[in-house]
N, C-alpha and C. Protein backbone atom coordinates (compact mmCIF):
# COMPACT_ATOMS: atom_id res chain seq x y z
N MET A 1 365.65 93.28 -19.02
CA MET A 1 364.29 94.14 -19.30
C MET A 1 363.43 93.66 -20.45
N PHE A 2 363.92 93.34 -21.57
CA PHE A 2 362.89 93.09 -22.64
C PHE A 2 362.57 91.36 -22.07
N GLU A 3 363.10 90.65 -22.03
CA GLU A 3 362.39 89.27 -21.59
C GLU A 3 361.64 89.49 -20.14
N GLU A 4 361.71 90.27 -19.10
CA GLU A 4 360.79 90.28 -18.19
C GLU A 4 359.74 91.05 -18.80
N TYR A 5 359.66 92.19 -19.45
CA TYR A 5 358.64 92.65 -19.91
C TYR A 5 357.67 91.92 -20.78
N PHE A 6 358.07 91.13 -21.82
CA PHE A 6 357.55 90.33 -22.14
C PHE A 6 357.38 88.44 -21.86
N SER A 7 357.71 88.13 -20.80
CA SER A 7 357.60 87.01 -20.16
C SER A 7 356.59 86.00 -20.67
N ARG A 8 355.65 86.72 -20.20
CA ARG A 8 354.33 86.08 -20.45
C ARG A 8 354.16 85.26 -22.42
N GLN A 9 354.58 86.19 -23.11
CA GLN A 9 354.50 85.91 -24.44
C GLN A 9 355.76 85.04 -24.96
N ILE A 10 356.89 85.43 -24.33
CA ILE A 10 357.96 84.15 -24.18
C ILE A 10 357.71 83.20 -23.64
N THR A 11 356.75 82.85 -23.05
CA THR A 11 356.59 81.58 -22.44
C THR A 11 355.68 80.52 -23.36
N LEU A 12 354.47 81.57 -24.21
CA LEU A 12 353.80 81.31 -24.92
C LEU A 12 354.62 80.62 -26.13
N TRP A 13 355.42 81.66 -27.04
CA TRP A 13 355.87 80.90 -28.33
C TRP A 13 357.35 81.46 -28.34
N GLY A 14 358.27 81.43 -26.99
CA GLY A 14 359.63 81.45 -27.40
C GLY A 14 360.14 82.78 -27.52
N GLU A 15 361.42 82.78 -26.92
CA GLU A 15 362.22 84.18 -27.26
C GLU A 15 362.56 84.46 -28.72
N ASP A 16 362.75 83.40 -29.95
CA ASP A 16 363.10 83.77 -31.42
C ASP A 16 362.11 84.57 -31.85
N THR A 17 360.34 84.22 -31.53
CA THR A 17 359.26 84.65 -32.17
C THR A 17 359.00 85.88 -31.49
N GLN A 18 359.19 86.07 -30.48
CA GLN A 18 359.37 87.53 -29.73
C GLN A 18 360.28 88.62 -30.53
N LYS A 19 361.58 88.07 -30.61
CA LYS A 19 362.32 89.07 -30.84
C LYS A 19 362.12 89.40 -32.41
N SER A 20 361.04 88.37 -32.89
CA SER A 20 361.10 88.35 -34.50
C SER A 20 359.76 89.46 -34.76
N LEU A 21 359.10 89.65 -33.68
CA LEU A 21 358.38 90.84 -33.66
C LEU A 21 358.83 92.15 -33.84
N GLN A 22 359.94 92.25 -33.16
CA GLN A 22 360.61 93.71 -33.07
C GLN A 22 360.92 94.11 -34.67
N THR A 23 360.92 92.98 -35.67
CA THR A 23 361.56 93.51 -37.06
C THR A 23 360.49 93.94 -37.70
N LYS A 24 359.17 94.05 -37.45
CA LYS A 24 357.76 94.10 -37.88
C LYS A 24 357.54 95.68 -37.96
N HIS A 25 356.84 95.75 -38.98
CA HIS A 25 356.47 97.44 -39.22
C HIS A 25 354.94 97.30 -39.78
N ILE A 26 354.08 97.84 -38.92
CA ILE A 26 352.43 97.50 -39.35
C ILE A 26 352.16 99.35 -39.29
N ALA A 27 351.08 99.55 -39.79
CA ALA A 27 350.53 100.90 -40.13
C ALA A 27 348.86 100.41 -39.33
N ILE A 28 348.10 101.51 -38.50
CA ILE A 28 347.05 101.45 -38.09
C ILE A 28 346.38 102.59 -38.59
N VAL A 29 345.54 102.29 -39.01
CA VAL A 29 344.79 103.53 -39.89
C VAL A 29 343.51 104.04 -39.23
N GLY A 30 343.34 104.85 -38.68
CA GLY A 30 342.17 105.49 -37.56
C GLY A 30 342.78 105.07 -36.16
N ALA A 31 342.15 106.25 -35.67
CA ALA A 31 342.65 106.32 -33.99
C ALA A 31 341.43 106.46 -33.35
N GLY A 32 340.21 105.80 -33.50
CA GLY A 32 339.17 105.97 -33.12
C GLY A 32 338.96 104.83 -31.63
N GLY A 33 337.85 104.30 -31.80
CA GLY A 33 337.49 103.26 -31.11
C GLY A 33 338.20 101.43 -31.40
N LEU A 34 338.30 101.46 -32.74
CA LEU A 34 339.11 100.34 -33.13
C LEU A 34 340.47 100.58 -32.96
N GLY A 35 340.84 101.63 -33.45
CA GLY A 35 342.55 101.89 -33.26
C GLY A 35 342.74 101.90 -31.89
N SER A 36 342.09 102.83 -31.17
CA SER A 36 342.65 102.95 -29.81
C SER A 36 342.86 101.60 -29.08
N SER A 37 342.09 100.69 -29.19
CA SER A 37 342.31 99.39 -28.90
C SER A 37 343.17 98.26 -29.45
N LEU A 38 343.20 98.66 -30.71
CA LEU A 38 344.43 97.73 -31.79
C LEU A 38 345.55 98.33 -31.02
N ALA A 39 345.81 99.44 -31.14
CA ALA A 39 347.01 100.24 -30.84
C ALA A 39 347.53 99.81 -29.43
N TYR A 40 346.70 99.74 -28.22
CA TYR A 40 347.12 98.98 -27.04
C TYR A 40 347.55 97.55 -26.95
N ALA A 41 346.46 96.97 -27.68
CA ALA A 41 346.83 95.50 -27.72
C ALA A 41 348.12 95.28 -28.80
N LEU A 42 348.22 95.73 -29.35
CA LEU A 42 349.41 95.37 -30.57
C LEU A 42 350.49 95.97 -30.16
N GLY A 43 350.38 97.61 -29.70
CA GLY A 43 351.41 98.44 -28.69
C GLY A 43 352.56 97.32 -27.85
N CYS A 44 351.79 97.01 -27.45
CA CYS A 44 352.54 96.13 -26.22
C CYS A 44 352.75 94.58 -26.48
N SER A 45 352.72 94.51 -27.70
CA SER A 45 353.02 93.12 -27.68
C SER A 45 354.13 92.76 -28.31
N GLY A 46 355.03 94.00 -28.65
CA GLY A 46 356.44 93.63 -29.00
C GLY A 46 356.70 93.85 -30.70
N ILE A 47 355.44 94.57 -31.40
CA ILE A 47 355.89 94.72 -32.94
C ILE A 47 356.81 96.00 -32.68
N GLY A 48 357.80 95.76 -33.51
CA GLY A 48 358.67 97.22 -33.67
C GLY A 48 358.59 98.38 -33.58
N ASN A 49 357.74 98.57 -34.83
CA ASN A 49 357.17 99.49 -35.48
C ASN A 49 355.98 99.78 -35.81
N ILE A 50 355.32 101.06 -35.30
CA ILE A 50 354.20 101.02 -35.73
C ILE A 50 353.36 102.25 -36.25
N ASP A 51 352.94 102.99 -37.32
CA ASP A 51 352.52 104.11 -37.75
C ASP A 51 351.33 104.44 -37.46
N ILE A 52 350.66 105.25 -36.83
CA ILE A 52 349.14 105.36 -36.49
C ILE A 52 348.80 106.80 -37.45
N VAL A 53 347.55 106.28 -38.49
CA VAL A 53 347.12 107.48 -39.34
C VAL A 53 345.78 107.68 -39.01
N ASP A 54 345.58 109.23 -38.57
CA ASP A 54 344.24 109.76 -38.49
C ASP A 54 343.86 111.29 -38.74
N PHE A 55 343.39 111.93 -39.15
CA PHE A 55 343.31 113.46 -39.44
C PHE A 55 342.22 113.82 -38.42
N ASP A 56 341.86 113.13 -37.35
CA ASP A 56 340.97 113.74 -36.67
C ASP A 56 341.19 114.09 -35.36
N THR A 57 340.38 114.79 -34.56
CA THR A 57 340.93 115.65 -33.23
C THR A 57 339.81 114.97 -32.14
N ILE A 58 340.20 114.62 -31.12
CA ILE A 58 339.68 114.16 -29.96
C ILE A 58 338.63 114.77 -29.53
N SER A 59 336.98 114.33 -29.48
CA SER A 59 335.89 114.86 -29.38
C SER A 59 335.16 114.73 -27.90
N TYR A 60 334.34 115.22 -27.24
CA TYR A 60 333.82 114.62 -26.22
C TYR A 60 333.17 113.29 -26.18
N HIS A 61 332.31 113.14 -27.63
CA HIS A 61 331.48 112.25 -27.33
C HIS A 61 332.19 110.78 -27.83
N ASN A 62 333.75 110.89 -28.01
CA ASN A 62 334.64 109.87 -28.51
C ASN A 62 335.03 108.85 -27.23
N ILE A 63 335.10 109.78 -25.97
CA ILE A 63 335.81 109.32 -25.04
C ILE A 63 334.99 107.98 -24.50
N HIS A 64 333.65 107.33 -24.42
CA HIS A 64 333.03 106.08 -24.04
C HIS A 64 333.61 105.14 -24.44
N ARG A 65 333.88 105.14 -25.61
CA ARG A 65 334.58 103.73 -26.21
C ARG A 65 335.66 103.69 -26.96
N GLN A 66 336.39 104.99 -26.76
CA GLN A 66 338.03 105.26 -27.47
C GLN A 66 338.82 105.34 -26.32
N ILE A 67 339.07 104.33 -25.84
CA ILE A 67 339.61 103.93 -24.55
C ILE A 67 341.28 104.57 -24.53
N ALA A 68 342.02 105.14 -25.09
CA ALA A 68 343.33 105.91 -24.79
C ALA A 68 342.85 107.11 -24.54
N TYR A 69 341.96 107.90 -24.73
CA TYR A 69 341.71 109.44 -24.48
C TYR A 69 340.92 109.62 -22.93
N SER A 70 341.35 110.91 -22.55
CA SER A 70 340.80 111.28 -21.21
C SER A 70 340.23 112.50 -21.80
N LEU A 71 339.52 113.28 -20.57
CA LEU A 71 338.78 114.42 -21.19
C LEU A 71 340.18 116.02 -21.41
N GLU A 72 340.92 115.49 -20.43
CA GLU A 72 342.32 116.58 -20.77
C GLU A 72 342.91 116.47 -22.36
N ASP A 73 342.31 115.57 -23.02
CA ASP A 73 342.86 115.49 -24.44
C ASP A 73 341.59 115.77 -25.73
N ILE A 74 340.72 116.46 -24.95
CA ILE A 74 339.86 116.88 -26.00
C ILE A 74 340.43 118.06 -26.87
N ASP A 75 340.02 118.01 -28.08
CA ASP A 75 340.66 118.83 -29.27
C ASP A 75 341.98 118.67 -29.73
N LYS A 76 342.97 117.67 -29.15
CA LYS A 76 344.08 116.96 -29.32
C LYS A 76 343.95 116.31 -30.81
N SER A 77 345.18 115.94 -31.20
CA SER A 77 344.94 115.25 -32.27
C SER A 77 345.12 113.55 -31.42
N LYS A 78 344.23 112.89 -32.24
CA LYS A 78 343.88 111.54 -32.05
C LYS A 78 345.25 110.55 -32.29
N ALA A 79 345.84 110.83 -33.41
CA ALA A 79 347.28 110.22 -33.85
C ALA A 79 348.53 110.31 -32.84
N HIS A 80 348.55 111.52 -32.63
CA HIS A 80 349.61 112.29 -31.82
C HIS A 80 349.19 111.55 -30.55
N ILE A 81 348.20 111.86 -29.61
CA ILE A 81 347.77 111.29 -28.87
C ILE A 81 348.09 110.20 -28.27
N LEU A 82 347.30 109.37 -29.28
CA LEU A 82 347.49 107.85 -29.10
C LEU A 82 348.96 107.20 -29.35
N ALA A 83 349.86 107.69 -29.78
CA ALA A 83 351.22 107.44 -30.29
C ALA A 83 352.04 107.56 -29.05
N SER A 84 351.86 108.48 -28.40
CA SER A 84 352.30 109.24 -27.04
C SER A 84 352.01 108.12 -26.15
N LYS A 85 350.66 107.29 -25.86
CA LYS A 85 350.16 106.88 -25.10
C LYS A 85 350.66 105.59 -24.88
N ILE A 86 351.18 104.77 -26.21
CA ILE A 86 351.97 103.47 -26.44
C ILE A 86 353.02 103.85 -26.42
N LYS A 87 354.08 104.66 -26.49
CA LYS A 87 355.54 105.11 -25.76
C LYS A 87 355.34 104.85 -24.49
N ALA A 88 354.47 105.36 -23.90
CA ALA A 88 354.48 105.78 -22.48
C ALA A 88 354.29 104.14 -21.87
N LYS A 89 353.99 103.43 -22.52
CA LYS A 89 353.29 101.77 -22.13
C LYS A 89 354.50 101.28 -22.37
N ASN A 90 355.32 101.01 -23.67
CA ASN A 90 356.02 100.33 -23.83
C ASN A 90 357.14 100.90 -24.42
N PRO A 91 358.52 100.68 -24.23
CA PRO A 91 359.78 101.09 -24.18
C PRO A 91 360.44 100.67 -25.43
N PHE A 92 360.03 99.50 -25.96
CA PHE A 92 360.48 98.56 -26.96
C PHE A 92 360.05 98.89 -28.41
N VAL A 93 358.97 100.23 -28.22
CA VAL A 93 358.32 99.76 -29.59
C VAL A 93 358.78 101.60 -30.23
N GLN A 94 358.78 101.80 -31.54
CA GLN A 94 358.77 102.80 -32.21
C GLN A 94 357.55 103.20 -32.87
N VAL A 95 356.60 104.11 -32.28
CA VAL A 95 355.35 104.50 -32.67
C VAL A 95 355.54 105.93 -33.37
N THR A 96 355.06 106.31 -34.27
CA THR A 96 354.72 107.42 -35.05
C THR A 96 353.10 108.00 -35.39
N GLY A 97 352.90 108.96 -35.11
CA GLY A 97 351.46 109.17 -35.18
C GLY A 97 351.29 110.59 -36.36
N TYR A 98 350.56 110.12 -37.59
CA TYR A 98 350.65 111.38 -38.51
C TYR A 98 349.19 111.55 -38.39
N ASP A 99 348.98 113.16 -38.49
CA ASP A 99 348.08 113.71 -38.47
C ASP A 99 347.24 114.24 -39.52
N MET A 100 346.88 113.34 -40.53
CA MET A 100 346.28 113.21 -41.88
C MET A 100 345.59 111.97 -42.33
N GLY A 101 344.89 112.26 -43.37
CA GLY A 101 344.10 111.33 -43.82
C GLY A 101 344.82 109.94 -44.39
N PHE A 102 344.32 108.87 -44.79
CA PHE A 102 345.16 108.01 -45.30
C PHE A 102 345.48 107.88 -46.60
N ASP A 103 344.87 108.71 -47.39
CA ASP A 103 345.21 108.71 -48.65
C ASP A 103 346.30 109.78 -48.79
N GLU A 104 346.08 111.20 -48.02
CA GLU A 104 347.58 111.63 -47.90
C GLU A 104 348.70 111.14 -47.56
N PHE A 105 348.64 110.53 -46.85
CA PHE A 105 349.73 109.42 -45.87
C PHE A 105 350.23 108.77 -47.27
N ALA A 106 349.47 108.06 -47.86
CA ALA A 106 349.77 107.26 -48.87
C ALA A 106 350.56 107.62 -50.07
N GLN A 107 350.22 109.01 -50.45
CA GLN A 107 350.97 110.05 -51.54
C GLN A 107 352.30 110.40 -50.87
N LYS A 108 352.32 110.54 -49.54
CA LYS A 108 353.84 111.16 -49.13
C LYS A 108 354.80 110.32 -48.68
N ASN A 109 354.24 108.99 -48.50
CA ASN A 109 355.16 107.99 -47.72
C ASN A 109 355.15 107.03 -48.46
N HIS A 110 356.12 106.38 -48.87
CA HIS A 110 356.31 105.20 -49.60
C HIS A 110 357.27 104.28 -48.41
N LYS A 111 356.04 103.87 -47.87
CA LYS A 111 357.29 102.83 -46.49
C LYS A 111 356.21 101.20 -47.15
N GLN A 112 357.08 100.31 -46.74
CA GLN A 112 357.03 98.92 -46.88
C GLN A 112 356.31 98.05 -45.60
N TYR A 113 355.00 97.71 -45.31
CA TYR A 113 354.87 97.33 -44.23
C TYR A 113 354.45 95.87 -44.14
N ASP A 114 354.51 95.24 -43.20
CA ASP A 114 354.28 93.88 -43.16
C ASP A 114 352.78 93.49 -43.01
N LEU A 115 351.97 94.62 -42.32
CA LEU A 115 350.24 94.39 -42.29
C LEU A 115 349.90 95.73 -42.25
N ILE A 116 348.57 96.17 -42.63
CA ILE A 116 347.91 96.97 -42.48
C ILE A 116 346.50 96.81 -41.43
N LEU A 117 346.22 97.67 -40.91
CA LEU A 117 345.29 97.31 -39.92
C LEU A 117 344.10 98.40 -39.80
N ASP A 118 342.90 97.93 -40.74
CA ASP A 118 341.94 99.20 -40.49
C ASP A 118 341.35 99.45 -39.23
N ALA A 119 341.17 100.76 -39.13
CA ALA A 119 340.49 101.27 -37.63
C ALA A 119 339.42 102.07 -38.31
N THR A 120 338.90 102.15 -39.55
CA THR A 120 338.43 103.48 -39.93
C THR A 120 336.68 103.13 -39.94
N ASP A 121 336.09 104.00 -40.13
CA ASP A 121 334.43 103.94 -39.82
C ASP A 121 333.61 103.89 -41.28
N ASN A 122 334.23 104.19 -42.24
CA ASN A 122 333.35 104.11 -44.08
C ASN A 122 334.09 103.00 -44.70
N VAL A 123 333.07 102.92 -45.41
CA VAL A 123 333.25 102.12 -46.47
C VAL A 123 334.03 102.50 -47.80
N GLU A 124 334.08 103.86 -48.11
CA GLU A 124 335.00 104.39 -49.05
C GLU A 124 336.71 104.74 -48.45
N ALA A 125 337.07 104.56 -47.14
CA ALA A 125 338.48 104.62 -46.66
C ALA A 125 338.54 102.95 -46.66
N ARG A 126 338.10 101.89 -46.29
CA ARG A 126 338.42 100.54 -46.49
C ARG A 126 338.61 100.52 -47.98
N ALA A 127 337.84 100.83 -48.89
CA ALA A 127 337.97 100.63 -50.27
C ALA A 127 339.67 101.04 -50.73
N PHE A 128 339.76 102.17 -50.20
CA PHE A 128 341.23 103.06 -50.46
C PHE A 128 341.92 102.09 -50.07
N ILE A 129 341.95 101.61 -48.86
CA ILE A 129 342.96 100.77 -47.92
C ILE A 129 343.17 99.58 -48.93
N ASP A 130 341.80 98.74 -49.37
CA ASP A 130 342.16 97.63 -49.97
C ASP A 130 342.97 97.76 -51.39
N SER A 131 342.56 99.00 -51.78
CA SER A 131 343.33 99.49 -52.93
C SER A 131 344.73 99.12 -53.13
N TYR A 132 345.13 100.33 -52.04
CA TYR A 132 346.62 100.19 -51.76
C TYR A 132 347.30 99.00 -51.35
N ALA A 133 346.74 98.08 -50.55
CA ALA A 133 347.26 96.83 -49.97
C ALA A 133 347.48 96.05 -51.52
N LYS A 134 346.57 96.15 -52.31
CA LYS A 134 346.73 95.46 -53.58
C LYS A 134 347.84 95.61 -54.40
N ASP A 135 348.36 97.36 -54.44
CA ASP A 135 349.15 97.96 -55.40
C ASP A 135 350.47 97.63 -53.99
N THR A 136 350.53 97.78 -53.17
CA THR A 136 351.93 97.15 -52.68
C THR A 136 351.96 95.76 -52.21
N ASN A 137 350.80 94.99 -52.67
CA ASN A 137 351.17 93.42 -52.09
C ASN A 137 351.25 93.43 -50.58
N THR A 138 350.26 93.59 -49.96
CA THR A 138 350.60 93.54 -48.26
C THR A 138 349.01 93.48 -47.86
N PRO A 139 348.69 92.56 -46.84
CA PRO A 139 347.74 91.96 -46.03
C PRO A 139 347.22 92.99 -45.39
N TRP A 140 346.06 92.79 -45.13
CA TRP A 140 345.45 93.73 -44.58
C TRP A 140 344.20 92.96 -43.33
N VAL A 141 343.94 93.68 -42.06
CA VAL A 141 342.84 93.44 -41.52
C VAL A 141 341.85 94.50 -41.55
N TYR A 142 340.54 93.91 -41.61
CA TYR A 142 339.22 94.78 -42.02
C TYR A 142 338.55 94.39 -40.65
N GLY A 143 338.28 95.82 -40.32
CA GLY A 143 337.20 95.43 -39.03
C GLY A 143 336.13 96.33 -38.83
N SER A 144 335.28 95.88 -38.65
CA SER A 144 333.71 97.49 -38.58
C SER A 144 332.81 97.00 -37.51
N VAL A 145 332.23 97.64 -36.97
CA VAL A 145 331.14 97.77 -35.71
C VAL A 145 329.87 98.70 -36.23
N GLU A 146 329.24 98.14 -35.62
CA GLU A 146 327.76 98.75 -35.65
C GLU A 146 326.60 97.94 -34.45
N GLU A 147 326.22 98.95 -33.69
CA GLU A 147 324.74 98.34 -32.96
C GLU A 147 325.85 97.01 -32.16
N PHE A 148 325.29 96.10 -31.91
CA PHE A 148 325.79 94.69 -31.18
C PHE A 148 326.22 93.66 -32.20
N MET A 149 327.05 94.40 -33.22
CA MET A 149 327.32 93.31 -33.98
C MET A 149 328.84 94.18 -34.67
N GLY A 150 329.31 92.99 -35.31
CA GLY A 150 330.76 93.56 -35.79
C GLY A 150 331.24 92.23 -37.24
N GLN A 151 332.19 92.93 -37.96
CA GLN A 151 332.87 91.85 -38.83
C GLN A 151 334.20 92.18 -38.64
N VAL A 152 334.97 91.10 -39.12
CA VAL A 152 336.56 91.00 -39.18
C VAL A 152 337.07 90.23 -40.15
N CYS A 153 338.17 90.57 -41.25
CA CYS A 153 338.42 89.47 -42.02
C CYS A 153 340.16 90.22 -42.37
N LEU A 154 341.05 89.09 -42.55
CA LEU A 154 342.37 89.09 -43.00
C LEU A 154 342.32 88.99 -44.40
N PHE A 155 342.69 90.31 -45.25
CA PHE A 155 342.30 90.07 -46.61
C PHE A 155 343.74 89.76 -46.88
N ASP A 156 343.80 88.66 -48.07
CA ASP A 156 345.51 88.44 -48.59
C ASP A 156 344.76 88.76 -49.95
N GLU A 157 344.38 87.44 -50.36
CA GLU A 157 344.00 87.35 -51.89
C GLU A 157 342.65 87.75 -52.21
N SER A 158 341.84 88.00 -51.52
CA SER A 158 340.27 88.32 -51.64
C SER A 158 340.49 89.81 -51.78
N SER A 159 338.95 90.25 -52.27
CA SER A 159 338.69 91.61 -52.34
C SER A 159 337.94 92.31 -51.59
N PHE A 160 338.07 93.43 -51.27
CA PHE A 160 336.89 94.22 -50.62
C PHE A 160 335.79 94.83 -51.60
N GLU A 161 336.17 94.68 -52.95
CA GLU A 161 334.90 94.80 -53.67
C GLU A 161 333.76 94.06 -53.75
N ALA A 162 333.81 93.09 -52.66
CA ALA A 162 332.86 92.65 -52.37
C ALA A 162 331.14 93.26 -51.98
N PHE A 163 331.75 94.11 -50.96
CA PHE A 163 330.99 95.09 -50.14
C PHE A 163 330.74 96.28 -51.07
N ASN A 164 329.49 96.16 -51.05
CA ASN A 164 328.79 97.45 -52.08
C ASN A 164 328.61 98.93 -51.10
N SER A 165 329.27 99.78 -51.17
CA SER A 165 329.07 100.95 -50.54
C SER A 165 327.78 101.53 -50.69
N SER A 166 327.07 101.48 -52.02
CA SER A 166 325.96 102.21 -51.94
C SER A 166 324.79 101.51 -51.23
N THR A 167 325.01 100.42 -50.66
CA THR A 167 323.95 99.84 -49.81
C THR A 167 324.01 100.49 -48.57
N HIS A 168 325.36 100.51 -47.79
CA HIS A 168 325.52 101.21 -46.58
C HIS A 168 324.70 102.15 -45.89
N GLN A 169 323.86 102.23 -44.94
CA GLN A 169 322.92 102.82 -44.01
C GLN A 169 324.02 103.37 -43.10
N ALA A 170 323.12 104.69 -42.63
CA ALA A 170 324.02 105.30 -41.53
C ALA A 170 324.03 104.51 -40.35
N SER A 171 324.72 104.50 -39.12
CA SER A 171 324.88 104.34 -38.07
C SER A 171 324.00 104.20 -37.11
N LYS A 172 323.69 103.48 -36.44
CA LYS A 172 322.42 103.52 -35.68
C LYS A 172 322.80 103.29 -33.79
N GLY A 173 324.14 103.27 -34.09
CA GLY A 173 324.56 103.59 -32.55
C GLY A 173 325.64 102.40 -32.51
N ILE A 174 326.45 102.38 -31.38
CA ILE A 174 327.22 101.66 -31.22
C ILE A 174 327.72 101.40 -29.68
N THR A 175 328.12 100.29 -29.22
CA THR A 175 328.71 99.87 -27.75
C THR A 175 330.16 99.77 -27.76
N ALA A 176 330.79 100.28 -26.52
CA ALA A 176 331.91 99.87 -26.16
C ALA A 176 332.45 99.08 -26.10
N PRO A 177 331.88 97.97 -25.40
CA PRO A 177 332.40 96.87 -25.50
C PRO A 177 332.57 95.98 -26.76
N MET A 178 331.63 96.03 -27.36
CA MET A 178 331.50 95.49 -29.15
C MET A 178 332.58 96.56 -29.61
N VAL A 179 332.90 97.23 -29.68
CA VAL A 179 334.05 98.00 -30.47
C VAL A 179 335.37 97.42 -29.66
N MET A 180 335.44 97.07 -28.75
CA MET A 180 336.81 96.43 -28.01
C MET A 180 336.88 94.87 -28.42
N HIS A 181 335.40 94.27 -28.31
CA HIS A 181 335.60 92.81 -28.63
C HIS A 181 336.05 92.80 -30.09
N ILE A 182 335.45 93.63 -31.46
CA ILE A 182 336.16 93.46 -32.69
C ILE A 182 337.27 94.20 -32.78
N ALA A 183 338.31 94.86 -32.27
CA ALA A 183 339.62 95.18 -32.26
C ALA A 183 340.25 94.11 -31.38
N SER A 184 339.64 93.39 -30.53
CA SER A 184 340.27 92.78 -29.94
C SER A 184 340.73 91.38 -30.86
N LEU A 185 339.88 90.85 -31.59
CA LEU A 185 339.71 89.76 -32.67
C LEU A 185 340.72 90.09 -33.74
N GLN A 186 340.66 91.52 -34.14
CA GLN A 186 341.85 92.17 -35.23
C GLN A 186 343.32 91.82 -34.67
N ALA A 187 342.89 92.39 -33.59
CA ALA A 187 344.35 92.30 -32.82
C ALA A 187 345.41 90.83 -32.99
N ASN A 188 344.68 89.88 -32.76
CA ASN A 188 344.29 88.39 -32.79
C ASN A 188 344.93 87.86 -33.89
N LEU A 189 344.25 88.24 -34.99
CA LEU A 189 344.64 87.69 -36.30
C LEU A 189 345.59 88.26 -36.73
N ALA A 190 346.28 89.55 -36.30
CA ALA A 190 347.14 90.30 -36.38
C ALA A 190 348.56 89.76 -36.02
N LEU A 191 348.49 89.82 -34.69
CA LEU A 191 349.50 89.28 -34.01
C LEU A 191 349.89 87.54 -34.26
N ARG A 192 348.97 86.85 -34.41
CA ARG A 192 349.26 85.41 -34.97
C ARG A 192 349.92 85.51 -36.29
N TYR A 193 349.20 86.26 -37.37
CA TYR A 193 349.91 86.41 -38.44
C TYR A 193 351.51 86.82 -38.59
N LEU A 194 351.84 87.95 -37.79
CA LEU A 194 353.19 88.81 -37.45
C LEU A 194 354.17 87.51 -36.80
N ALA A 195 353.47 86.98 -35.89
CA ALA A 195 354.29 85.64 -34.97
C ALA A 195 354.67 84.67 -35.83
N GLY A 196 354.23 84.53 -37.41
CA GLY A 196 354.33 83.20 -38.06
C GLY A 196 353.25 81.94 -37.65
N LEU A 197 352.17 82.24 -37.06
CA LEU A 197 351.29 81.18 -36.85
C LEU A 197 350.35 80.84 -37.58
N VAL A 198 349.60 79.64 -37.56
CA VAL A 198 348.61 79.62 -38.59
C VAL A 198 347.46 80.56 -38.26
N VAL A 199 347.00 80.99 -39.50
CA VAL A 199 346.14 81.82 -39.58
C VAL A 199 344.82 81.71 -40.61
N LYS A 200 343.89 81.84 -40.35
CA LYS A 200 342.96 81.45 -41.81
C LYS A 200 342.78 82.95 -42.43
N LYS A 201 342.84 83.06 -43.68
CA LYS A 201 343.21 84.21 -44.31
C LYS A 201 341.81 84.19 -45.33
N ASP A 202 341.39 85.35 -45.49
CA ASP A 202 340.15 85.80 -46.58
C ASP A 202 338.85 84.84 -46.58
N VAL A 203 338.75 85.12 -44.76
CA VAL A 203 337.35 84.39 -44.14
C VAL A 203 336.78 85.85 -43.74
N LEU A 204 335.84 86.13 -43.86
CA LEU A 204 334.84 87.21 -43.09
C LEU A 204 334.05 86.38 -42.01
N TYR A 205 334.46 87.05 -40.75
CA TYR A 205 333.75 86.75 -39.72
C TYR A 205 332.65 87.45 -39.12
N TYR A 206 331.77 87.24 -39.10
CA TYR A 206 330.47 88.16 -38.86
C TYR A 206 329.86 87.47 -37.13
N ILE A 207 330.39 88.48 -36.15
CA ILE A 207 329.83 88.25 -34.91
C ILE A 207 328.30 89.13 -34.94
N TYR A 208 327.74 88.73 -34.21
CA TYR A 208 326.56 89.32 -33.70
C TYR A 208 325.67 88.58 -32.30
N PHE A 209 324.69 89.37 -31.99
CA PHE A 209 323.89 88.69 -31.13
C PHE A 209 322.42 88.49 -31.73
N ASN A 210 322.05 87.14 -31.30
CA ASN A 210 320.51 87.10 -32.02
C ASN A 210 319.47 87.51 -31.23
N LYS A 211 318.16 87.31 -31.68
CA LYS A 211 316.92 87.70 -30.43
C LYS A 211 317.08 87.14 -29.55
N GLU A 212 317.39 85.87 -29.19
CA GLU A 212 317.72 84.95 -27.90
C GLU A 212 318.66 85.89 -27.19
N GLY A 213 319.45 86.62 -27.59
CA GLY A 213 320.70 86.95 -26.51
C GLY A 213 321.99 86.23 -26.67
N GLU A 214 321.91 85.26 -27.89
CA GLU A 214 322.81 84.23 -28.01
C GLU A 214 324.16 84.97 -28.97
N LEU A 215 325.22 84.98 -28.57
CA LEU A 215 326.35 85.44 -29.27
C LEU A 215 326.77 84.46 -30.47
N ILE A 216 326.75 84.80 -31.72
CA ILE A 216 326.51 84.09 -32.74
C ILE A 216 328.08 84.44 -33.61
N THR A 217 328.58 83.36 -34.14
CA THR A 217 329.77 83.82 -35.38
C THR A 217 329.65 82.79 -36.54
N GLN A 218 329.39 83.81 -37.41
CA GLN A 218 329.25 83.03 -38.97
C GLN A 218 330.25 83.40 -39.46
N LYS A 219 330.77 82.45 -40.76
CA LYS A 219 332.25 82.53 -41.44
C LYS A 219 331.70 82.54 -43.01
N PHE A 220 332.18 83.38 -43.75
CA PHE A 220 331.92 83.32 -45.34
C PHE A 220 333.22 83.69 -46.05
N ASN A 221 333.61 82.67 -46.89
CA ASN A 221 334.70 82.76 -47.75
C ASN A 221 334.58 83.98 -48.75
N MET A 222 335.54 84.77 -48.65
CA MET A 222 335.68 86.14 -49.61
C MET A 222 335.84 85.77 -51.22
N PRO A 223 335.29 86.46 -52.14
CA PRO A 223 335.89 86.03 -53.49
C PRO A 223 337.32 86.70 -53.64
N LYS A 224 337.89 85.94 -54.53
CA LYS A 224 339.31 86.68 -54.82
C LYS A 224 339.20 87.68 -55.67
N ARG A 225 340.59 88.28 -55.74
CA ARG A 225 340.66 89.32 -56.32
C ARG A 225 340.75 88.88 -57.92
N LYS A 226 340.18 89.96 -58.68
CA LYS A 226 340.28 89.86 -60.12
C LYS A 226 341.66 90.10 -60.32
């Protein structure tokens, strides 16, 4: 059953690599737009253990871009509902939803992760993830979306301190396809890293549509941690 479920990936990189993913433990921080897509992509790729952390409940305005949820999920815990959806899709993954903020989670849980996925929506939360990752020597994948633009980076030796939270402005809106696009890029970086494939770390990818409607990707090397 395992070989049949993951047959396309086993064809890609072999059974040994696929089985190695079963030993991996990741945390997805945030179960909204990015978190929903990340959980679906990674939760069905063979990663053995996933913790989903989010204090929020599902609201009506979430549903257009948070693909895991339906109208009957309104007012329910995002973390718990998302975990249940992934369990229903993949019998080979252990998924646990934590209905709390990541700061509280970090105080109560002392787990060692192979990778942390940022699916939050504010700079302060990401700065906390960066600090936690630094303290626990854990790489993490940053992602953010606004309007028709987004950013992705696999942080390892670099620091999130380069982002100045004082200059961040209120959101001007967001589109569902861009959310899923950025989450897909995050998931690809994560999966390649966890599978032991070559992946470029500490490079910020900035993706946006220019005035002519062309999709542009720019790359920036992030500064090392002090």
